[in-house]
């Protein structure tokens, strides 16, 4: 009888360890950042449910797909970047969107975001944004 109880106890402990191990190794669920205006010096980010628009000094861009962060607030989003120039836009010149990667972290209502060209890895800039702020952007004239 004592041997059966010991075997049951060991089986129960093994089962509990397997369950907790499986739960710990499961990836954490991604969560979406809050929609609305995120702004800071030289940048404005308008977040919608499945995309965002970015305006910064002499440039603008888009981010596609839901804007999610991991359990530590980190993100990597794909999007576009288009430089702007002063003066009128030429009718026969198509836009020159470039692929970029937006990376960074969100902590509470503060976001730090770095924009890099996908092809070259060259950094466009790093920005600090606050939720609920319009941002201050200076467009080329």
N, C-alpha and C. Protein backbone atom coordinates (compact mmCIF):
# COMPACT_ATOMS: atom_id res chain seq x y z
N UNK A 1 0.80 -1.18 0.00
CA UNK A 1 0.00 0.00 0.00
C UNK A 1 0.86 1.27 0.00
N UNK A 2 1.90 1.23 0.80
CA UNK A 2 2.81 2.38 0.89
C UNK A 2 3.50 2.62 -0.45
N UNK A 3 3.87 1.57 -1.16
CA UNK A 3 4.53 1.68 -2.47
C UNK A 3 3.57 2.32 -3.48
N UNK A 4 2.30 1.94 -3.46
CA UNK A 4 1.31 2.51 -4.37
C UNK A 4 1.14 4.01 -4.11
N UNK A 5 1.10 4.41 -2.86
CA UNK A 5 0.97 5.83 -2.52
C UNK A 5 2.20 6.62 -2.98
N UNK A 6 3.38 6.04 -2.84
CA UNK A 6 4.61 6.70 -3.28
C UNK A 6 4.60 6.86 -4.80
N UNK A 7 4.18 5.82 -5.51
CA UNK A 7 4.12 5.89 -6.98
C UNK A 7 3.10 6.94 -7.41
N UNK A 8 1.95 7.00 -6.76
CA UNK A 8 0.94 8.01 -7.09
C UNK A 8 1.47 9.42 -6.84
N UNK A 9 2.15 9.60 -5.74
CA UNK A 9 2.71 10.91 -5.41
C UNK A 9 3.75 11.33 -6.44
N UNK A 10 4.65 10.42 -6.80
CA UNK A 10 5.66 10.72 -7.82
C UNK A 10 5.02 11.02 -9.17
N UNK A 11 3.99 10.28 -9.51
CA UNK A 11 3.28 10.52 -10.77
C UNK A 11 2.63 11.89 -10.77
N UNK A 12 2.03 12.26 -9.65
CA UNK A 12 1.39 13.56 -9.53
C UNK A 12 2.41 14.69 -9.63
N UNK A 13 3.54 14.55 -8.95
CA UNK A 13 4.60 15.56 -9.00
C UNK A 13 5.14 15.69 -10.43
N UNK A 14 5.35 14.57 -11.11
CA UNK A 14 5.84 14.58 -12.48
C UNK A 14 4.84 15.29 -13.39
N UNK A 15 3.57 15.01 -13.23
CA UNK A 15 2.53 15.64 -14.03
C UNK A 15 2.51 17.15 -13.81
N UNK A 16 2.60 17.57 -12.56
CA UNK A 16 2.62 19.01 -12.26
C UNK A 16 3.83 19.68 -12.88
N UNK A 17 4.99 19.05 -12.80
CA UNK A 17 6.20 19.61 -13.42
C UNK A 17 6.06 19.73 -14.93
N UNK A 18 5.48 18.74 -15.57
CA UNK A 18 5.29 18.79 -17.02
C UNK A 18 4.34 19.91 -17.42
N UNK A 19 3.27 20.08 -16.67
CA UNK A 19 2.29 21.13 -16.98
C UNK A 19 2.91 22.52 -16.80
N UNK A 20 3.61 22.75 -15.70
CA UNK A 20 4.21 24.07 -15.47
C UNK A 20 5.33 24.34 -16.45
N UNK A 21 6.07 23.33 -16.83
CA UNK A 21 7.14 23.50 -17.81
C UNK A 21 6.57 23.88 -19.17
N UNK A 22 5.49 23.24 -19.58
CA UNK A 22 4.85 23.56 -20.85
C UNK A 22 4.28 24.97 -20.84
N UNK A 23 3.70 25.37 -19.73
CA UNK A 23 3.13 26.71 -19.64
C UNK A 23 4.23 27.77 -19.67
N UNK A 24 5.36 27.51 -19.05
CA UNK A 24 6.46 28.48 -19.02
C UNK A 24 7.12 28.63 -20.37
N UNK A 25 7.16 27.57 -21.18
CA UNK A 25 7.84 27.64 -22.47
C UNK A 25 6.94 28.19 -23.56
N UNK A 26 5.65 28.33 -23.30
CA UNK A 26 4.72 28.86 -24.28
C UNK A 26 5.00 30.35 -24.46
N UNK A 27 5.07 30.83 -25.73
CA UNK A 27 5.32 32.24 -25.94
C UNK A 27 4.20 33.11 -25.39
N UNK A 28 4.57 34.25 -24.87
CA UNK A 28 3.59 35.16 -24.31
C UNK A 28 2.78 35.80 -25.44
N UNK A 29 1.54 36.07 -25.15
CA UNK A 29 0.64 36.67 -26.13
C UNK A 29 1.07 38.11 -26.41
N UNK A 30 1.09 38.45 -27.69
CA UNK A 30 1.40 39.81 -28.09
C UNK A 30 0.18 40.68 -27.81
N UNK A 31 0.42 41.93 -27.47
CA UNK A 31 -0.70 42.85 -27.26
C UNK A 31 -0.53 44.07 -28.14
N UNK A 32 -1.63 44.64 -28.54
CA UNK A 32 -1.61 45.82 -29.41
C UNK A 32 -1.35 47.08 -28.59
N UNK A 33 -0.67 48.03 -29.22
CA UNK A 33 -0.49 49.31 -28.54
C UNK A 33 -1.77 50.11 -28.68
N UNK A 34 -1.92 51.08 -27.84
CA UNK A 34 -3.13 51.89 -27.81
C UNK A 34 -3.22 52.77 -29.05
N UNK A 35 -4.41 52.77 -29.67
CA UNK A 35 -4.66 53.63 -30.82
C UNK A 35 -4.66 55.08 -30.37
N UNK A 36 -4.39 55.97 -31.34
CA UNK A 36 -4.41 57.39 -31.05
C UNK A 36 -3.13 58.06 -31.51
N UNK A 37 -2.93 59.26 -31.05
CA UNK A 37 -1.76 60.06 -31.42
C UNK A 37 -0.61 59.80 -30.46
N UNK A 38 0.54 59.52 -31.02
CA UNK A 38 1.79 59.43 -30.28
C UNK A 38 2.68 60.51 -30.90
N UNK A 39 3.23 61.38 -30.10
CA UNK A 39 4.03 62.45 -30.67
C UNK A 39 5.23 62.81 -29.82
N UNK A 40 6.16 63.49 -30.48
CA UNK A 40 7.36 63.96 -29.81
C UNK A 40 8.08 64.94 -30.71
N UNK A 41 9.27 65.36 -30.31
CA UNK A 41 10.04 66.27 -31.15
C UNK A 41 10.31 65.64 -32.52
N UNK A 42 9.86 66.30 -33.56
CA UNK A 42 10.13 65.93 -34.95
C UNK A 42 9.38 64.70 -35.43
N UNK A 43 8.33 64.25 -34.72
CA UNK A 43 7.59 63.07 -35.15
C UNK A 43 6.16 63.09 -34.63
N UNK A 44 5.27 62.50 -35.46
CA UNK A 44 3.87 62.28 -35.08
C UNK A 44 3.47 60.91 -35.64
N UNK A 45 2.93 60.05 -34.79
CA UNK A 45 2.51 58.71 -35.16
C UNK A 45 1.02 58.59 -34.87
N UNK A 46 0.22 58.33 -35.90
CA UNK A 46 -1.23 58.15 -35.74
C UNK A 46 -1.53 56.67 -35.86
N UNK A 47 -1.87 56.03 -34.74
CA UNK A 47 -2.09 54.59 -34.69
C UNK A 47 -3.57 54.29 -34.84
N UNK A 48 -3.89 53.41 -35.78
CA UNK A 48 -5.25 52.92 -35.95
C UNK A 48 -5.25 51.44 -35.61
N UNK A 49 -6.35 50.74 -35.82
CA UNK A 49 -6.45 49.35 -35.38
C UNK A 49 -5.48 48.42 -36.11
N UNK A 50 -5.24 48.61 -37.40
CA UNK A 50 -4.37 47.70 -38.14
C UNK A 50 -3.26 48.38 -38.91
N UNK A 51 -3.03 49.66 -38.66
CA UNK A 51 -1.97 50.37 -39.38
C UNK A 51 -1.65 51.67 -38.65
N UNK A 52 -0.69 52.37 -39.19
CA UNK A 52 -0.33 53.68 -38.62
C UNK A 52 0.29 54.54 -39.71
N UNK A 53 0.18 55.84 -39.54
CA UNK A 53 0.87 56.79 -40.41
C UNK A 53 1.89 57.53 -39.57
N UNK A 54 3.02 57.82 -40.19
CA UNK A 54 4.12 58.48 -39.51
C UNK A 54 4.44 59.76 -40.27
N UNK A 55 4.57 60.86 -39.57
CA UNK A 55 5.03 62.11 -40.16
C UNK A 55 6.20 62.59 -39.35
N UNK A 56 7.30 62.88 -40.06
CA UNK A 56 8.44 63.48 -39.40
C UNK A 56 9.02 64.54 -40.30
N UNK A 57 10.00 65.29 -39.80
CA UNK A 57 10.56 66.40 -40.56
C UNK A 57 10.97 65.94 -41.95
N UNK A 58 10.40 66.58 -42.95
CA UNK A 58 10.75 66.34 -44.36
C UNK A 58 10.57 64.90 -44.81
N UNK A 59 9.65 64.15 -44.18
CA UNK A 59 9.39 62.77 -44.59
C UNK A 59 8.08 62.29 -43.98
N UNK A 60 7.59 61.20 -44.53
CA UNK A 60 6.41 60.54 -43.97
C UNK A 60 6.50 59.05 -44.28
N UNK A 61 5.65 58.27 -43.61
CA UNK A 61 5.69 56.83 -43.83
C UNK A 61 4.42 56.15 -43.35
N UNK A 62 4.40 54.84 -43.51
CA UNK A 62 3.28 54.03 -43.07
C UNK A 62 3.80 52.79 -42.36
N UNK A 63 2.97 52.24 -41.51
CA UNK A 63 3.26 50.96 -40.86
C UNK A 63 2.05 50.08 -41.12
N UNK A 64 2.29 48.86 -41.60
CA UNK A 64 1.18 47.97 -41.92
C UNK A 64 1.10 46.84 -40.91
N UNK A 65 -0.10 46.31 -40.78
CA UNK A 65 -0.31 45.20 -39.86
C UNK A 65 -0.61 45.71 -38.48
N UNK A 66 -1.13 44.88 -37.63
CA UNK A 66 -1.41 45.33 -36.26
C UNK A 66 -0.12 45.70 -35.54
N UNK A 67 -0.15 46.77 -34.81
CA UNK A 67 1.02 47.23 -34.08
C UNK A 67 1.03 46.57 -32.71
N UNK A 68 1.79 45.50 -32.60
CA UNK A 68 1.82 44.71 -31.37
C UNK A 68 3.18 44.84 -30.68
N UNK A 69 3.15 44.62 -29.37
CA UNK A 69 4.37 44.59 -28.56
C UNK A 69 4.39 43.28 -27.80
N UNK A 70 5.60 42.82 -27.45
CA UNK A 70 5.70 41.59 -26.66
C UNK A 70 5.54 41.91 -25.18
N UNK A 71 5.73 40.91 -24.34
CA UNK A 71 5.51 41.09 -22.90
C UNK A 71 6.49 42.08 -22.26
N UNK A 72 7.59 42.36 -22.94
CA UNK A 72 8.57 43.33 -22.41
C UNK A 72 8.43 44.69 -23.08
N UNK A 73 7.39 44.86 -23.92
CA UNK A 73 7.15 46.14 -24.57
C UNK A 73 7.94 46.35 -25.85
N UNK A 74 8.63 45.33 -26.35
CA UNK A 74 9.45 45.47 -27.55
C UNK A 74 8.61 45.27 -28.82
N UNK A 75 9.02 45.94 -29.89
CA UNK A 75 8.32 45.76 -31.15
C UNK A 75 9.29 45.83 -32.33
N UNK A 76 8.86 45.21 -33.43
CA UNK A 76 9.50 45.31 -34.74
C UNK A 76 8.38 45.35 -35.76
N UNK A 77 8.25 46.48 -36.46
CA UNK A 77 7.17 46.66 -37.42
C UNK A 77 7.77 46.98 -38.78
N UNK A 78 7.13 46.52 -39.85
CA UNK A 78 7.56 46.83 -41.21
C UNK A 78 6.72 47.96 -41.75
N UNK A 79 7.34 48.77 -42.60
CA UNK A 79 6.60 49.87 -43.19
C UNK A 79 7.36 50.54 -44.30
N UNK A 80 6.93 51.75 -44.61
CA UNK A 80 7.56 52.52 -45.69
C UNK A 80 8.01 53.88 -45.16
N UNK A 81 8.89 54.48 -45.93
CA UNK A 81 9.43 55.81 -45.62
C UNK A 81 9.55 56.54 -46.95
N UNK A 82 9.11 57.79 -46.98
CA UNK A 82 9.23 58.58 -48.20
C UNK A 82 9.75 59.96 -47.85
N UNK A 83 10.91 60.27 -48.41
CA UNK A 83 11.48 61.60 -48.17
C UNK A 83 10.68 62.64 -48.94
N UNK A 84 10.60 63.82 -48.37
CA UNK A 84 9.90 64.93 -49.00
C UNK A 84 10.91 66.01 -49.31
N UNK A 85 10.63 66.78 -50.33
CA UNK A 85 11.52 67.88 -50.69
C UNK A 85 10.76 69.18 -50.70
N UNK A 86 11.48 70.26 -50.73
CA UNK A 86 10.81 71.56 -50.80
C UNK A 86 10.22 71.79 -52.19
N UNK A 87 9.25 72.69 -52.24
CA UNK A 87 8.68 73.08 -53.52
C UNK A 87 7.57 72.16 -54.00
N UNK A 88 7.11 72.40 -55.22
CA UNK A 88 6.00 71.60 -55.75
C UNK A 88 6.42 70.17 -56.08
N UNK A 89 5.44 69.29 -56.09
CA UNK A 89 5.68 67.89 -56.45
C UNK A 89 5.50 67.74 -57.95
N UNK A 90 6.42 67.07 -58.61
CA UNK A 90 6.33 66.88 -60.05
C UNK A 90 5.26 65.84 -60.38
N UNK A 91 4.46 66.13 -61.38
CA UNK A 91 3.35 65.27 -61.74
C UNK A 91 3.85 63.94 -62.29
N UNK A 92 4.88 63.94 -63.09
CA UNK A 92 5.36 62.71 -63.75
C UNK A 92 6.39 61.95 -62.92
N UNK A 93 6.57 62.32 -61.70
CA UNK A 93 7.54 61.63 -60.84
C UNK A 93 6.79 60.82 -59.78
N UNK A 94 6.88 59.49 -59.86
CA UNK A 94 6.16 58.66 -58.88
C UNK A 94 6.81 58.76 -57.49
N UNK A 95 6.03 58.48 -56.46
CA UNK A 95 6.59 58.50 -55.10
C UNK A 95 7.72 57.48 -54.97
N UNK A 96 8.66 57.77 -54.10
CA UNK A 96 9.81 56.87 -53.90
C UNK A 96 9.77 56.28 -52.49
N UNK A 97 8.79 55.41 -52.28
CA UNK A 97 8.69 54.73 -50.98
C UNK A 97 9.87 53.79 -50.82
N UNK A 98 10.45 53.77 -49.64
CA UNK A 98 11.52 52.84 -49.31
C UNK A 98 11.07 51.99 -48.14
N UNK A 99 11.42 50.71 -48.17
CA UNK A 99 11.07 49.81 -47.07
C UNK A 99 11.92 50.16 -45.85
N UNK A 100 11.27 50.23 -44.70
CA UNK A 100 11.96 50.50 -43.44
C UNK A 100 11.46 49.53 -42.38
N UNK A 101 12.26 49.43 -41.31
CA UNK A 101 11.90 48.64 -40.14
C UNK A 101 11.84 49.61 -38.96
N UNK A 102 10.70 49.59 -38.28
CA UNK A 102 10.51 50.40 -37.08
C UNK A 102 10.70 49.48 -35.88
N UNK A 103 11.68 49.76 -35.02
CA UNK A 103 11.93 48.94 -33.84
C UNK A 103 11.95 49.83 -32.60
N UNK A 104 11.70 49.22 -31.46
CA UNK A 104 11.78 50.00 -30.22
C UNK A 104 11.04 49.34 -29.09
N UNK A 105 10.67 50.18 -28.11
CA UNK A 105 9.97 49.71 -26.92
C UNK A 105 8.87 50.69 -26.54
N UNK A 106 7.87 50.13 -25.85
CA UNK A 106 6.79 50.93 -25.27
C UNK A 106 6.78 50.64 -23.78
N UNK A 107 6.81 51.69 -22.98
CA UNK A 107 6.73 51.56 -21.53
C UNK A 107 5.69 52.56 -21.05
N UNK A 108 4.52 52.05 -20.69
CA UNK A 108 3.44 52.95 -20.28
C UNK A 108 3.00 53.80 -21.45
N UNK A 109 3.10 55.11 -21.31
CA UNK A 109 2.69 56.03 -22.37
C UNK A 109 3.87 56.60 -23.14
N UNK A 110 5.06 55.98 -22.99
CA UNK A 110 6.26 56.44 -23.66
C UNK A 110 6.75 55.38 -24.64
N UNK A 111 7.08 55.81 -25.84
CA UNK A 111 7.61 54.92 -26.88
C UNK A 111 8.95 55.47 -27.35
N UNK A 112 9.92 54.58 -27.49
CA UNK A 112 11.19 54.92 -28.13
C UNK A 112 11.22 54.11 -29.42
N UNK A 113 11.40 54.79 -30.56
CA UNK A 113 11.32 54.13 -31.86
C UNK A 113 12.50 54.53 -32.74
N UNK A 114 13.15 53.50 -33.32
CA UNK A 114 14.24 53.72 -34.27
C UNK A 114 13.75 53.30 -35.65
N UNK A 115 14.04 54.12 -36.65
CA UNK A 115 13.66 53.84 -38.03
C UNK A 115 14.92 53.53 -38.81
N UNK A 116 14.96 52.35 -39.46
CA UNK A 116 16.11 51.94 -40.27
C UNK A 116 15.65 51.50 -41.64
N UNK A 117 16.46 51.82 -42.66
CA UNK A 117 16.17 51.33 -44.00
C UNK A 117 16.37 49.82 -44.03
N UNK A 118 15.41 49.10 -44.58
CA UNK A 118 15.45 47.63 -44.59
C UNK A 118 16.62 47.12 -45.41
N UNK A 119 16.89 47.74 -46.54
CA UNK A 119 17.93 47.24 -47.44
C UNK A 119 19.34 47.50 -46.93
N UNK A 120 19.62 48.72 -46.51
CA UNK A 120 20.99 49.08 -46.12
C UNK A 120 21.25 48.96 -44.62
N UNK A 121 20.19 49.00 -43.81
CA UNK A 121 20.37 48.98 -42.36
C UNK A 121 20.72 50.35 -41.80
N UNK A 122 20.81 51.35 -42.66
CA UNK A 122 21.13 52.72 -42.23
C UNK A 122 20.01 53.27 -41.37
N UNK A 123 20.36 53.89 -40.26
CA UNK A 123 19.38 54.46 -39.35
C UNK A 123 18.92 55.82 -39.85
N UNK A 124 17.61 56.00 -39.95
CA UNK A 124 17.04 57.29 -40.29
C UNK A 124 17.13 58.20 -39.07
N UNK A 125 16.61 57.71 -37.93
CA UNK A 125 16.67 58.47 -36.68
C UNK A 125 16.04 57.64 -35.56
N UNK A 126 16.22 58.09 -34.33
CA UNK A 126 15.57 57.50 -33.17
C UNK A 126 14.74 58.59 -32.51
N UNK A 127 13.50 58.24 -32.14
CA UNK A 127 12.54 59.21 -31.62
C UNK A 127 11.98 58.74 -30.28
N UNK A 128 11.58 59.71 -29.46
CA UNK A 128 10.85 59.43 -28.22
C UNK A 128 9.49 60.07 -28.36
N UNK A 129 8.43 59.26 -28.18
CA UNK A 129 7.06 59.71 -28.36
C UNK A 129 6.25 59.50 -27.09
N UNK A 130 5.22 60.31 -26.92
CA UNK A 130 4.30 60.20 -25.79
C UNK A 130 2.88 60.00 -26.32
N UNK A 131 2.14 59.09 -25.72
CA UNK A 131 0.75 58.87 -26.09
C UNK A 131 -0.06 60.11 -25.73
N UNK A 132 -0.92 60.54 -26.66
CA UNK A 132 -1.77 61.71 -26.41
C UNK A 132 -1.15 63.02 -26.81
N UNK A 133 0.06 63.00 -27.32
CA UNK A 133 0.72 64.23 -27.77
C UNK A 133 0.68 64.29 -29.30
N UNK A 134 0.55 65.49 -29.83
CA UNK A 134 0.46 65.67 -31.28
C UNK A 134 1.83 65.60 -31.95
N UNK A 135 2.88 65.87 -31.25
CA UNK A 135 4.20 65.92 -31.85
C UNK A 135 4.45 67.26 -32.50
N UNK A 136 5.70 67.53 -32.76
CA UNK A 136 6.08 68.79 -33.41
C UNK A 136 6.93 68.48 -34.62
N UNK A 137 6.33 68.62 -35.79
CA UNK A 137 6.96 68.25 -37.06
C UNK A 137 7.17 69.50 -37.89
N UNK A 138 8.36 69.62 -38.49
CA UNK A 138 8.69 70.74 -39.37
C UNK A 138 8.82 70.20 -40.78
N UNK A 139 7.87 70.58 -41.65
CA UNK A 139 7.87 70.10 -43.02
C UNK A 139 8.78 70.97 -43.89
N UNK A 140 9.36 70.37 -44.93
CA UNK A 140 10.23 71.09 -45.86
C UNK A 140 9.39 72.09 -46.65
N UNK A 141 9.92 73.27 -46.84
CA UNK A 141 9.20 74.31 -47.60
C UNK A 141 10.04 74.83 -48.71
